[in-house]
Amino acid sequence: MKTPILATIFHCMSTSTDTKQIHSKCPEGKLFWCFYNRAKTHRKIPGSHKSIKRKLSEEVVAKMMPVYQCLVSNEILLRCVSGKTQNAN
């Protein structure tokens, strides 16, 4: 469960380029949202990273990373595994 959460931020990083892709955490398959891995699944050449309209700068990623690290902590994930989605109050 940690990998899909982290994929959402790594997929949008501005440091991902055509020569240095950061899609190792993105899901693979024909129907998934990652254009790069979806193209590889279809054995096609992925589109250029230049066509991505909204990239996250390194500064933004640095500010967001503590939130993502909290989201992938074992303590938070263990609360999600039980399937309870509402506050007990």
N, C-alpha and C. Protein backbone atom coordinates (compact mmCIF):
# COMPACT_ATOMS: atom_id res chain seq x y z
N MET A 1 0.81 -1.19 0.00
CA MET A 1 0.00 0.00 0.00
C MET A 1 0.86 1.27 0.00
N LYS A 2 2.08 1.14 0.46
CA LYS A 2 2.97 2.30 0.49
C LYS A 2 3.36 2.74 -0.92
N THR A 3 3.62 1.77 -1.78
CA THR A 3 4.07 2.08 -3.13
C THR A 3 3.05 2.90 -3.92
N PRO A 4 1.76 2.52 -3.92
CA PRO A 4 0.79 3.35 -4.67
C PRO A 4 0.67 4.77 -4.13
N ILE A 5 0.80 4.93 -2.82
CA ILE A 5 0.72 6.27 -2.24
C ILE A 5 1.89 7.12 -2.73
N LEU A 6 3.09 6.56 -2.66
CA LEU A 6 4.27 7.30 -3.10
C LEU A 6 4.28 7.53 -4.61
N ALA A 7 3.65 6.64 -5.35
CA ALA A 7 3.61 6.79 -6.81
C ALA A 7 2.94 8.09 -7.21
N THR A 8 1.95 8.53 -6.45
CA THR A 8 1.22 9.74 -6.81
C THR A 8 2.09 10.98 -6.77
N ILE A 9 3.10 11.01 -5.93
CA ILE A 9 3.97 12.19 -5.88
C ILE A 9 5.16 12.03 -6.83
N PHE A 10 5.73 10.83 -6.89
CA PHE A 10 6.89 10.64 -7.76
C PHE A 10 6.51 10.79 -9.24
N HIS A 11 5.30 10.41 -9.59
CA HIS A 11 4.83 10.50 -10.98
C HIS A 11 4.83 11.95 -11.47
N CYS A 12 4.57 12.88 -10.58
CA CYS A 12 4.42 14.30 -10.96
C CYS A 12 5.66 15.14 -10.74
N MET A 13 6.76 14.54 -10.37
CA MET A 13 7.97 15.32 -10.09
C MET A 13 8.55 15.93 -11.35
N SER A 14 9.03 17.14 -11.24
CA SER A 14 9.60 17.84 -12.39
C SER A 14 10.96 17.26 -12.79
N THR A 15 11.57 16.45 -11.93
CA THR A 15 12.86 15.87 -12.27
C THR A 15 12.73 14.66 -13.18
N SER A 16 11.50 14.19 -13.41
CA SER A 16 11.28 13.09 -14.33
C SER A 16 11.35 13.62 -15.76
N THR A 17 12.26 13.09 -16.54
CA THR A 17 12.46 13.54 -17.93
C THR A 17 12.42 12.33 -18.86
N ASP A 18 12.55 12.59 -20.15
CA ASP A 18 12.55 11.49 -21.11
C ASP A 18 13.75 10.57 -20.92
N THR A 19 14.86 11.12 -20.46
CA THR A 19 16.06 10.30 -20.27
C THR A 19 16.16 9.73 -18.86
N LYS A 20 15.47 10.34 -17.91
CA LYS A 20 15.51 9.87 -16.52
C LYS A 20 14.07 9.82 -15.99
N GLN A 21 13.41 8.69 -16.22
CA GLN A 21 12.02 8.55 -15.82
C GLN A 21 11.93 8.12 -14.35
N ILE A 22 10.91 8.63 -13.68
CA ILE A 22 10.66 8.25 -12.29
C ILE A 22 9.26 7.62 -12.24
N HIS A 23 9.15 6.43 -12.77
CA HIS A 23 7.86 5.75 -12.81
C HIS A 23 7.94 4.35 -12.21
N SER A 24 8.99 4.08 -11.45
CA SER A 24 9.16 2.74 -10.88
C SER A 24 8.08 2.41 -9.86
N LYS A 25 7.49 3.40 -9.22
CA LYS A 25 6.45 3.15 -8.23
C LYS A 25 5.04 3.22 -8.83
N CYS A 26 4.93 3.67 -10.07
CA CYS A 26 3.63 3.76 -10.72
C CYS A 26 3.12 2.36 -11.06
N PRO A 27 1.79 2.18 -11.04
CA PRO A 27 1.23 0.87 -11.39
C PRO A 27 1.46 0.55 -12.86
N GLU A 28 1.60 -0.73 -13.14
CA GLU A 28 1.80 -1.17 -14.52
C GLU A 28 0.55 -1.87 -15.01
N GLY A 29 0.27 -1.72 -16.27
CA GLY A 29 -0.89 -2.38 -16.84
C GLY A 29 -1.52 -1.53 -17.92
N LYS A 30 -2.45 -2.14 -18.65
CA LYS A 30 -3.07 -1.47 -19.79
C LYS A 30 -4.08 -0.40 -19.38
N LEU A 31 -4.63 -0.51 -18.18
CA LEU A 31 -5.71 0.38 -17.79
C LEU A 31 -5.32 1.39 -16.71
N PHE A 32 -4.06 1.45 -16.34
CA PHE A 32 -3.67 2.33 -15.25
C PHE A 32 -3.37 3.74 -15.74
N TRP A 33 -3.28 4.68 -14.79
CA TRP A 33 -3.20 6.10 -15.09
C TRP A 33 -1.82 6.58 -15.51
N CYS A 34 -0.77 5.83 -15.28
CA CYS A 34 0.58 6.28 -15.64
C CYS A 34 0.80 6.11 -17.14
N PHE A 35 0.92 7.22 -17.84
CA PHE A 35 1.07 7.16 -19.30
C PHE A 35 2.32 6.40 -19.71
N TYR A 36 3.38 6.52 -18.93
CA TYR A 36 4.65 5.89 -19.28
C TYR A 36 4.54 4.36 -19.19
N ASN A 37 4.07 3.86 -18.05
CA ASN A 37 3.95 2.41 -17.88
C ASN A 37 2.86 1.82 -18.75
N ARG A 38 1.79 2.58 -19.01
CA ARG A 38 0.73 2.10 -19.89
C ARG A 38 1.26 1.91 -21.30
N ALA A 39 2.07 2.84 -21.77
CA ALA A 39 2.67 2.72 -23.11
C ALA A 39 3.61 1.52 -23.17
N LYS A 40 4.40 1.33 -22.12
CA LYS A 40 5.31 0.18 -22.10
C LYS A 40 4.54 -1.13 -22.13
N THR A 41 3.39 -1.18 -21.45
CA THR A 41 2.56 -2.39 -21.44
C THR A 41 2.05 -2.70 -22.84
N HIS A 42 1.72 -1.67 -23.60
CA HIS A 42 1.24 -1.84 -24.98
C HIS A 42 2.39 -1.96 -25.98
N ARG A 43 3.61 -1.99 -25.47
CA ARG A 43 4.83 -2.07 -26.30
C ARG A 43 4.90 -0.91 -27.30
N LYS A 44 4.57 0.27 -26.79
CA LYS A 44 4.65 1.49 -27.59
C LYS A 44 5.69 2.41 -26.97
N ILE A 45 6.08 3.41 -27.71
CA ILE A 45 7.02 4.41 -27.19
C ILE A 45 6.22 5.40 -26.35
N PRO A 46 6.60 5.59 -25.08
CA PRO A 46 5.87 6.54 -24.23
C PRO A 46 5.97 7.96 -24.76
N GLY A 47 4.94 8.74 -24.51
CA GLY A 47 4.95 10.14 -24.90
C GLY A 47 6.02 10.91 -24.15
N SER A 48 6.33 12.07 -24.64
CA SER A 48 7.37 12.90 -24.05
C SER A 48 6.92 13.47 -22.71
N HIS A 49 7.86 13.58 -21.80
CA HIS A 49 7.58 14.20 -20.50
C HIS A 49 7.37 15.70 -20.64
N LYS A 50 7.75 16.25 -21.77
CA LYS A 50 7.56 17.68 -22.01
C LYS A 50 6.08 18.02 -22.14
N SER A 51 5.26 17.03 -22.48
CA SER A 51 3.83 17.28 -22.66
C SER A 51 3.08 17.33 -21.34
N ILE A 52 3.73 16.99 -20.23
CA ILE A 52 3.08 17.06 -18.93
C ILE A 52 2.92 18.53 -18.56
N LYS A 53 1.70 18.94 -18.35
CA LYS A 53 1.41 20.36 -18.13
C LYS A 53 1.73 20.82 -16.71
N ARG A 54 1.48 19.98 -15.73
CA ARG A 54 1.67 20.40 -14.34
C ARG A 54 2.65 19.48 -13.65
N LYS A 55 3.85 19.96 -13.48
CA LYS A 55 4.87 19.20 -12.77
C LYS A 55 5.10 19.83 -11.41
N LEU A 56 5.46 19.00 -10.45
CA LEU A 56 5.78 19.51 -9.12
C LEU A 56 7.27 19.82 -9.05
N SER A 57 7.59 21.03 -8.66
CA SER A 57 9.00 21.41 -8.54
C SER A 57 9.62 20.70 -7.34
N GLU A 58 10.93 20.70 -7.30
CA GLU A 58 11.64 20.05 -6.19
C GLU A 58 11.29 20.71 -4.87
N GLU A 59 11.07 22.02 -4.87
CA GLU A 59 10.72 22.74 -3.65
C GLU A 59 9.35 22.29 -3.12
N VAL A 60 8.40 22.14 -4.03
CA VAL A 60 7.06 21.70 -3.64
C VAL A 60 7.11 20.27 -3.11
N VAL A 61 7.84 19.42 -3.80
CA VAL A 61 7.96 18.02 -3.36
C VAL A 61 8.60 17.96 -1.98
N ALA A 62 9.60 18.79 -1.74
CA ALA A 62 10.26 18.81 -0.43
C ALA A 62 9.27 19.20 0.67
N LYS A 63 8.36 20.11 0.38
CA LYS A 63 7.35 20.53 1.36
C LYS A 63 6.28 19.45 1.56
N MET A 64 5.95 18.74 0.50
CA MET A 64 4.90 17.72 0.57
C MET A 64 5.39 16.39 1.13
N MET A 65 6.66 16.11 1.00
CA MET A 65 7.19 14.80 1.38
C MET A 65 6.92 14.42 2.84
N PRO A 66 7.02 15.34 3.80
CA PRO A 66 6.69 14.94 5.18
C PRO A 66 5.25 14.44 5.33
N VAL A 67 4.33 15.01 4.58
CA VAL A 67 2.94 14.56 4.63
C VAL A 67 2.85 13.14 4.06
N TYR A 68 3.52 12.91 2.95
CA TYR A 68 3.52 11.57 2.35
C TYR A 68 4.20 10.56 3.26
N GLN A 69 5.26 10.94 3.92
CA GLN A 69 5.94 10.03 4.84
C GLN A 69 5.02 9.67 5.99
N CYS A 70 4.21 10.61 6.43
CA CYS A 70 3.23 10.32 7.48
C CYS A 70 2.17 9.36 6.95
N LEU A 71 1.71 9.59 5.73
CA LEU A 71 0.68 8.73 5.14
C LEU A 71 1.14 7.29 4.97
N VAL A 72 2.42 7.08 4.71
CA VAL A 72 2.92 5.71 4.52
C VAL A 72 3.50 5.11 5.79
N SER A 73 3.32 5.79 6.91
CA SER A 73 3.83 5.23 8.17
C SER A 73 2.99 4.01 8.55
N ASN A 74 3.61 3.07 9.20
CA ASN A 74 2.92 1.84 9.59
C ASN A 74 1.74 2.14 10.51
N GLU A 75 1.89 3.13 11.37
CA GLU A 75 0.81 3.49 12.31
C GLU A 75 -0.46 3.91 11.56
N ILE A 76 -0.30 4.76 10.58
CA ILE A 76 -1.46 5.22 9.80
C ILE A 76 -2.03 4.09 8.96
N LEU A 77 -1.17 3.34 8.30
CA LEU A 77 -1.65 2.26 7.43
C LEU A 77 -2.35 1.16 8.21
N LEU A 78 -1.91 0.86 9.41
CA LEU A 78 -2.57 -0.16 10.21
C LEU A 78 -4.00 0.25 10.56
N ARG A 79 -4.23 1.54 10.72
CA ARG A 79 -5.59 2.00 10.99
C ARG A 79 -6.47 1.86 9.75
N CYS A 80 -5.88 1.92 8.58
CA CYS A 80 -6.66 1.81 7.34
C CYS A 80 -6.97 0.36 6.98
N VAL A 81 -6.12 -0.55 7.37
CA VAL A 81 -6.26 -1.96 6.99
C VAL A 81 -7.55 -2.56 7.54
N SER A 82 -7.99 -2.11 8.70
CA SER A 82 -9.19 -2.68 9.30
C SER A 82 -10.45 -2.33 8.51
N GLY A 83 -10.36 -1.36 7.62
CA GLY A 83 -11.49 -0.99 6.78
C GLY A 83 -12.44 0.01 7.41
N LYS A 84 -12.14 0.44 8.62
CA LYS A 84 -13.00 1.42 9.29
C LYS A 84 -12.68 2.81 8.73
N THR A 85 -13.70 3.48 8.25
CA THR A 85 -13.46 4.77 7.61
C THR A 85 -14.05 5.94 8.39
N GLN A 86 -14.82 5.66 9.44
CA GLN A 86 -15.45 6.75 10.17
C GLN A 86 -14.87 6.88 11.56
N ASN A 87 -14.90 8.10 12.06
CA ASN A 87 -14.46 8.38 13.41
C ASN A 87 -15.44 7.77 14.40
N ALA A 88 -14.95 7.21 15.49
CA ALA A 88 -15.80 6.54 16.48
C ALA A 88 -16.56 7.52 17.37
N ASN A 89 -16.30 8.80 17.25
CA ASN A 89 -16.98 9.78 18.12
C ASN A 89 -18.44 9.89 17.81
